[in-house]
Amino acid sequence: MQRLKILNSHFITHNVKRFVLEKPPGFEYAPGQSARISINKKGWERKIRPFTFTSLQHWDYLEFIIKIYEDHKGVTSQLGKLTKGDELIIHDVYGTIQYKGPGIFIAGGTGITPFIAIFRALFESGNLRNLALLYSNKTTDDIILHDELTKMLGPAYKNVFTQEGVIGFRERRIDRKFLIETIGDFSSRFYVCGPKNFTEEICDALVSLGADPEFLII
C-alpha cells in the first residue's frame, strides 16, 4: 500500500479526468495492468476501486485516465474534486488485459484505457503493426485521446458513434452486422474491453461468426 501525491490533474473530455501521480522508486507494472486505488481522505480510504495504468513502466510518473460519474456521489465523483497535492492510495497492482500479439481491438467508452498503454508501448518500440481499433462512444465529445490514437494507429483506427450523426462517420452500434461488414475475417485475435453488456454481446457475436474463444482477450 502506497500513498502517492497527485502532481497534476485535469479534464481531457467533459467527464474524463487525467491524473498524474508521483512514482515510487522500484514501482513495477506492465501495459494493460490495473491498480486498486482509494482516496487518502477521511471516510474514503477503504472505498477501493480498480483503475488501469495509462502510463508506461519507464516513465517517471504514473498516469490514470478516469471517467467521473458526478451523479453517483461515489468514488469517481470524489476523484473529480481532487487537485494537485491531494493523495491517492495504491493498494496493489494486478493483471488485466495482456498483449498477446497482433489483432483487432474493440473498445467501448473508457474501455479504451487498458489499450492506451499497450498501444503506447508498441508505438514506442516500433511494433504497432497489424493492429486495428474499433472504438465506440456516444458522441465525438466522449472520445478519449483522439489525436494520439490517430497519430499512433492512422487509418487502422475507426470511430463508431451511437447517438450522433457526424459527417464521415456512421451513427450505429458495434453489433453482429457491423462486425460482419467491417471485419470479414474472424481468424484474428480479438481484444475487447468496455461495459459488461458491451463486452458480452461482442464476444458472443465474434464466437458465433467463427472467432476462436481462445483468441479472445477480454
Protein backbone atom coordinates (compact mmCIF):
# COMPACT_ATOMS: atom_id res chain seq x y z
CA MET A 1 0.00 0.00 0.00
CA GLN A 2 1.46 3.36 -1.04
CA ARG A 3 0.22 6.92 -0.58
CA LEU A 4 1.02 8.94 -3.68
CA LYS A 5 0.65 12.66 -4.31
CA ILE A 6 -1.23 13.98 -7.32
CA LEU A 7 1.23 16.05 -9.38
CA ASN A 8 -1.33 17.18 -11.93
CA SER A 9 -4.98 16.56 -12.75
CA HIS A 10 -7.26 17.98 -15.42
CA PHE A 11 -10.28 17.05 -17.50
CA ILE A 12 -9.46 15.79 -21.02
CA THR A 13 -13.14 15.42 -22.01
CA HIS A 14 -16.31 16.76 -20.37
CA ASN A 15 -16.35 13.83 -17.91
CA VAL A 16 -12.95 12.10 -18.13
CA LYS A 17 -10.05 13.25 -15.96
CA ARG A 18 -6.32 12.61 -16.27
CA PHE A 19 -4.34 12.06 -13.07
CA VAL A 20 -0.54 12.26 -12.92
CA LEU A 21 0.90 10.78 -9.71
CA GLU A 22 4.36 10.61 -8.23
CA LYS A 23 6.02 7.25 -8.90
CA PRO A 24 7.72 5.41 -6.02
CA PRO A 25 11.25 4.03 -6.61
CA GLY A 26 11.21 0.48 -7.98
CA PHE A 27 7.46 0.53 -8.69
CA GLU A 28 6.65 -2.00 -11.43
CA TYR A 29 3.67 -2.71 -13.66
CA ALA A 30 3.00 -3.74 -17.27
CA PRO A 31 0.83 -2.29 -20.07
CA GLY A 32 -2.79 -3.39 -19.56
CA GLN A 33 -2.43 -3.83 -15.79
CA SER A 34 -4.60 -2.09 -13.21
CA ALA A 35 -4.28 -0.91 -9.63
CA ARG A 36 -6.75 -0.96 -6.77
CA ILE A 37 -6.99 2.62 -5.61
CA SER A 38 -8.68 4.66 -2.89
CA ILE A 39 -8.58 8.32 -1.85
CA ASN A 40 -6.46 9.39 1.12
CA LYS A 41 -9.24 11.37 2.78
CA LYS A 42 -11.28 10.61 5.87
CA GLY A 43 -14.09 8.19 5.05
CA TRP A 44 -12.70 7.31 1.61
CA GLU A 45 -9.58 5.29 2.45
CA ARG A 46 -11.39 1.93 2.34
CA LYS A 47 -13.54 2.64 -0.72
CA ILE A 48 -11.27 0.85 -3.19
CA ARG A 49 -11.84 0.80 -6.97
CA PRO A 50 -9.81 -0.61 -9.90
CA PHE A 51 -8.27 1.74 -12.46
CA THR A 52 -5.94 0.99 -15.36
CA PHE A 53 -2.47 2.48 -15.80
CA THR A 54 -2.19 4.52 -19.00
CA SER A 55 1.47 5.40 -18.34
CA LEU A 56 4.41 3.13 -19.18
CA GLN A 57 6.86 1.47 -16.81
CA HIS A 58 9.88 3.62 -17.77
CA TRP A 59 8.07 6.95 -17.33
CA ASP A 60 8.97 8.88 -14.18
CA TYR A 61 5.33 9.31 -13.15
CA LEU A 62 2.12 7.24 -13.03
CA GLU A 63 -0.91 8.19 -15.12
CA PHE A 64 -4.55 7.17 -14.86
CA ILE A 65 -7.42 8.31 -17.09
CA ILE A 66 -10.70 8.01 -15.19
CA LYS A 67 -14.35 8.66 -16.07
CA ILE A 68 -16.04 10.84 -13.44
CA TYR A 69 -19.65 9.95 -12.58
CA GLU A 70 -20.90 13.08 -10.82
CA ASP A 71 -24.43 11.77 -10.31
CA HIS A 72 -23.31 8.62 -8.44
CA LYS A 73 -21.83 10.59 -5.50
CA GLY A 74 -19.26 7.81 -5.16
CA VAL A 75 -15.51 7.40 -5.56
CA THR A 76 -15.22 8.89 -9.06
CA SER A 77 -17.36 11.89 -8.08
CA GLN A 78 -14.90 12.48 -5.24
CA LEU A 79 -11.94 11.97 -7.63
CA GLY A 80 -13.42 14.72 -9.79
CA LYS A 81 -12.90 17.19 -6.92
CA LEU A 82 -9.24 16.30 -6.25
CA THR A 83 -6.43 18.61 -7.27
CA LYS A 84 -2.63 18.82 -7.20
CA GLY A 85 -1.26 17.89 -3.78
CA ASP A 86 -4.11 15.55 -2.81
CA GLU A 87 -3.19 11.89 -2.29
CA LEU A 88 -4.39 8.57 -3.65
CA ILE A 89 -3.64 5.19 -2.06
CA ILE A 90 -2.47 2.39 -4.35
CA HIS A 91 -3.26 -0.90 -2.61
CA ASP A 92 -1.95 -3.38 -5.18
CA VAL A 93 -1.32 -3.97 -8.88
CA TYR A 94 -2.94 -6.84 -10.76
CA GLY A 95 -3.05 -8.20 -14.30
CA THR A 96 -5.98 -7.45 -16.55
CA ILE A 97 -5.61 -7.32 -20.35
CA GLN A 98 -2.25 -8.55 -21.60
CA TYR A 99 -0.90 -8.07 -25.12
CA LYS A 100 -0.54 -11.45 -26.82
CA GLY A 101 0.19 -10.39 -30.40
CA PRO A 102 -1.41 -8.52 -33.32
CA GLY A 103 -5.18 -8.42 -33.53
CA ILE A 104 -8.31 -6.29 -33.59
CA PHE A 105 -9.05 -4.14 -30.55
CA ILE A 106 -12.70 -3.30 -29.78
CA ALA A 107 -13.35 -0.70 -27.08
CA GLY A 108 -16.44 0.93 -25.62
CA GLY A 109 -16.03 4.28 -23.83
CA THR A 110 -13.42 4.13 -21.06
CA GLY A 111 -12.78 0.51 -22.10
CA ILE A 112 -10.07 2.15 -24.20
CA THR A 113 -7.87 2.71 -21.12
CA PRO A 114 -6.06 -0.67 -20.95
CA PHE A 115 -5.43 -0.43 -24.69
CA ILE A 116 -3.80 3.02 -24.38
CA ALA A 117 -0.73 1.73 -22.51
CA ILE A 118 -0.47 -1.27 -24.88
CA PHE A 119 -0.60 0.99 -27.97
CA ARG A 120 1.90 3.44 -26.42
CA ALA A 121 4.37 0.65 -25.65
CA LEU A 122 4.08 -0.84 -29.15
CA PHE A 123 4.32 2.60 -30.78
CA GLU A 124 7.48 3.45 -28.84
CA SER A 125 9.12 0.15 -29.78
CA GLY A 126 8.07 0.41 -33.44
CA ASN A 127 5.88 -2.71 -33.24
CA LEU A 128 2.46 -1.14 -33.77
CA ARG A 129 1.68 -3.16 -36.91
CA ASN A 130 -1.15 -5.49 -37.98
CA LEU A 131 -3.49 -3.93 -35.42
CA ALA A 132 -6.87 -2.25 -35.78
CA LEU A 133 -9.04 -0.38 -33.31
CA LEU A 134 -12.84 -0.11 -33.40
CA TYR A 135 -13.79 2.48 -30.77
CA SER A 136 -17.43 3.05 -29.78
CA ASN A 137 -18.65 6.19 -28.00
CA LYS A 138 -21.94 8.06 -27.68
CA THR A 139 -20.66 11.23 -29.39
CA THR A 140 -17.42 12.84 -30.62
CA ASP A 141 -17.18 14.69 -27.27
CA ASP A 142 -16.71 11.35 -25.49
CA ILE A 143 -13.62 10.21 -27.40
CA ILE A 144 -10.56 9.82 -25.18
CA LEU A 145 -7.16 10.82 -26.67
CA HIS A 146 -8.44 11.02 -30.24
CA ASP A 147 -5.38 12.86 -31.58
CA GLU A 148 -2.91 10.43 -30.02
CA LEU A 149 -4.83 7.37 -31.24
CA THR A 150 -4.90 8.89 -34.75
CA LYS A 151 -1.15 9.54 -34.62
CA MET A 152 -0.36 6.01 -33.42
CA LEU A 153 -2.83 3.98 -35.49
CA GLY A 154 -3.65 6.11 -38.54
CA PRO A 155 -6.28 4.54 -40.81
CA ALA A 156 -6.39 1.40 -38.60
CA TYR A 157 -8.38 3.48 -36.08
CA LYS A 158 -12.16 3.70 -36.63
CA ASN A 159 -14.76 5.54 -34.55
CA VAL A 160 -18.34 4.37 -34.12
CA PHE A 161 -20.97 6.67 -32.60
CA THR A 162 -24.23 5.51 -31.05
CA GLN A 163 -26.01 8.85 -30.56
CA GLU A 164 -24.66 11.33 -33.05
CA GLY A 165 -24.61 11.78 -36.81
CA VAL A 166 -21.20 13.08 -37.85
CA ILE A 167 -20.14 13.63 -41.46
CA GLY A 168 -17.72 10.87 -42.40
CA PHE A 169 -18.79 8.62 -39.52
CA ARG A 170 -21.63 6.16 -39.23
CA GLU A 171 -24.06 6.51 -36.39
CA ARG A 172 -24.50 2.94 -35.19
CA ARG A 173 -23.52 0.32 -32.65
CA ILE A 174 -20.77 -2.27 -32.87
CA ASP A 175 -23.04 -5.29 -33.27
CA ARG A 176 -23.02 -8.54 -35.24
CA LYS A 177 -23.99 -6.85 -38.51
CA PHE A 178 -21.31 -4.18 -38.06
CA LEU A 179 -18.67 -6.83 -37.32
CA ILE A 180 -19.56 -8.77 -40.48
CA GLU A 181 -19.36 -5.63 -42.64
CA THR A 182 -16.20 -4.25 -41.04
CA ILE A 183 -14.04 -7.29 -40.30
CA GLY A 184 -14.94 -10.12 -42.67
CA ASP A 185 -12.16 -12.48 -41.50
CA PHE A 186 -12.64 -13.76 -37.95
CA SER A 187 -9.49 -15.85 -37.65
CA SER A 188 -7.76 -12.91 -35.95
CA ARG A 189 -7.04 -12.35 -32.26
CA PHE A 190 -9.58 -10.00 -30.62
CA TYR A 191 -9.16 -7.71 -27.61
CA VAL A 192 -12.45 -6.48 -26.15
CA CYS A 193 -12.96 -4.02 -23.29
CA GLY A 194 -15.90 -1.88 -22.23
CA PRO A 195 -19.08 -2.06 -20.14
CA LYS A 196 -20.12 -5.61 -19.17
CA ASN A 197 -23.06 -5.84 -21.63
CA PHE A 198 -20.95 -4.40 -24.47
CA THR A 199 -18.17 -6.94 -23.87
CA GLU A 200 -20.53 -9.92 -23.56
CA GLU A 201 -22.53 -9.03 -26.69
CA ILE A 202 -19.44 -8.53 -28.81
CA CYS A 203 -17.73 -11.70 -27.60
CA ASP A 204 -20.91 -13.74 -28.27
CA ALA A 205 -21.15 -12.24 -31.76
CA LEU A 206 -17.45 -12.87 -32.52
CA VAL A 207 -17.65 -16.52 -31.47
CA SER A 208 -20.86 -17.02 -33.48
CA LEU A 209 -19.01 -15.62 -36.52
CA GLY A 210 -16.16 -18.09 -36.16
CA ALA A 211 -13.68 -16.39 -33.82
CA ASP A 212 -11.71 -18.83 -31.66
CA PRO A 213 -12.73 -18.29 -27.99
CA GLU A 214 -9.07 -18.83 -27.06
CA PHE A 215 -8.21 -15.84 -29.25
CA LEU A 216 -10.50 -13.51 -27.28
CA ILE A 217 -8.71 -11.36 -24.70
CA ILE A 218 -11.25 -9.54 -22.53
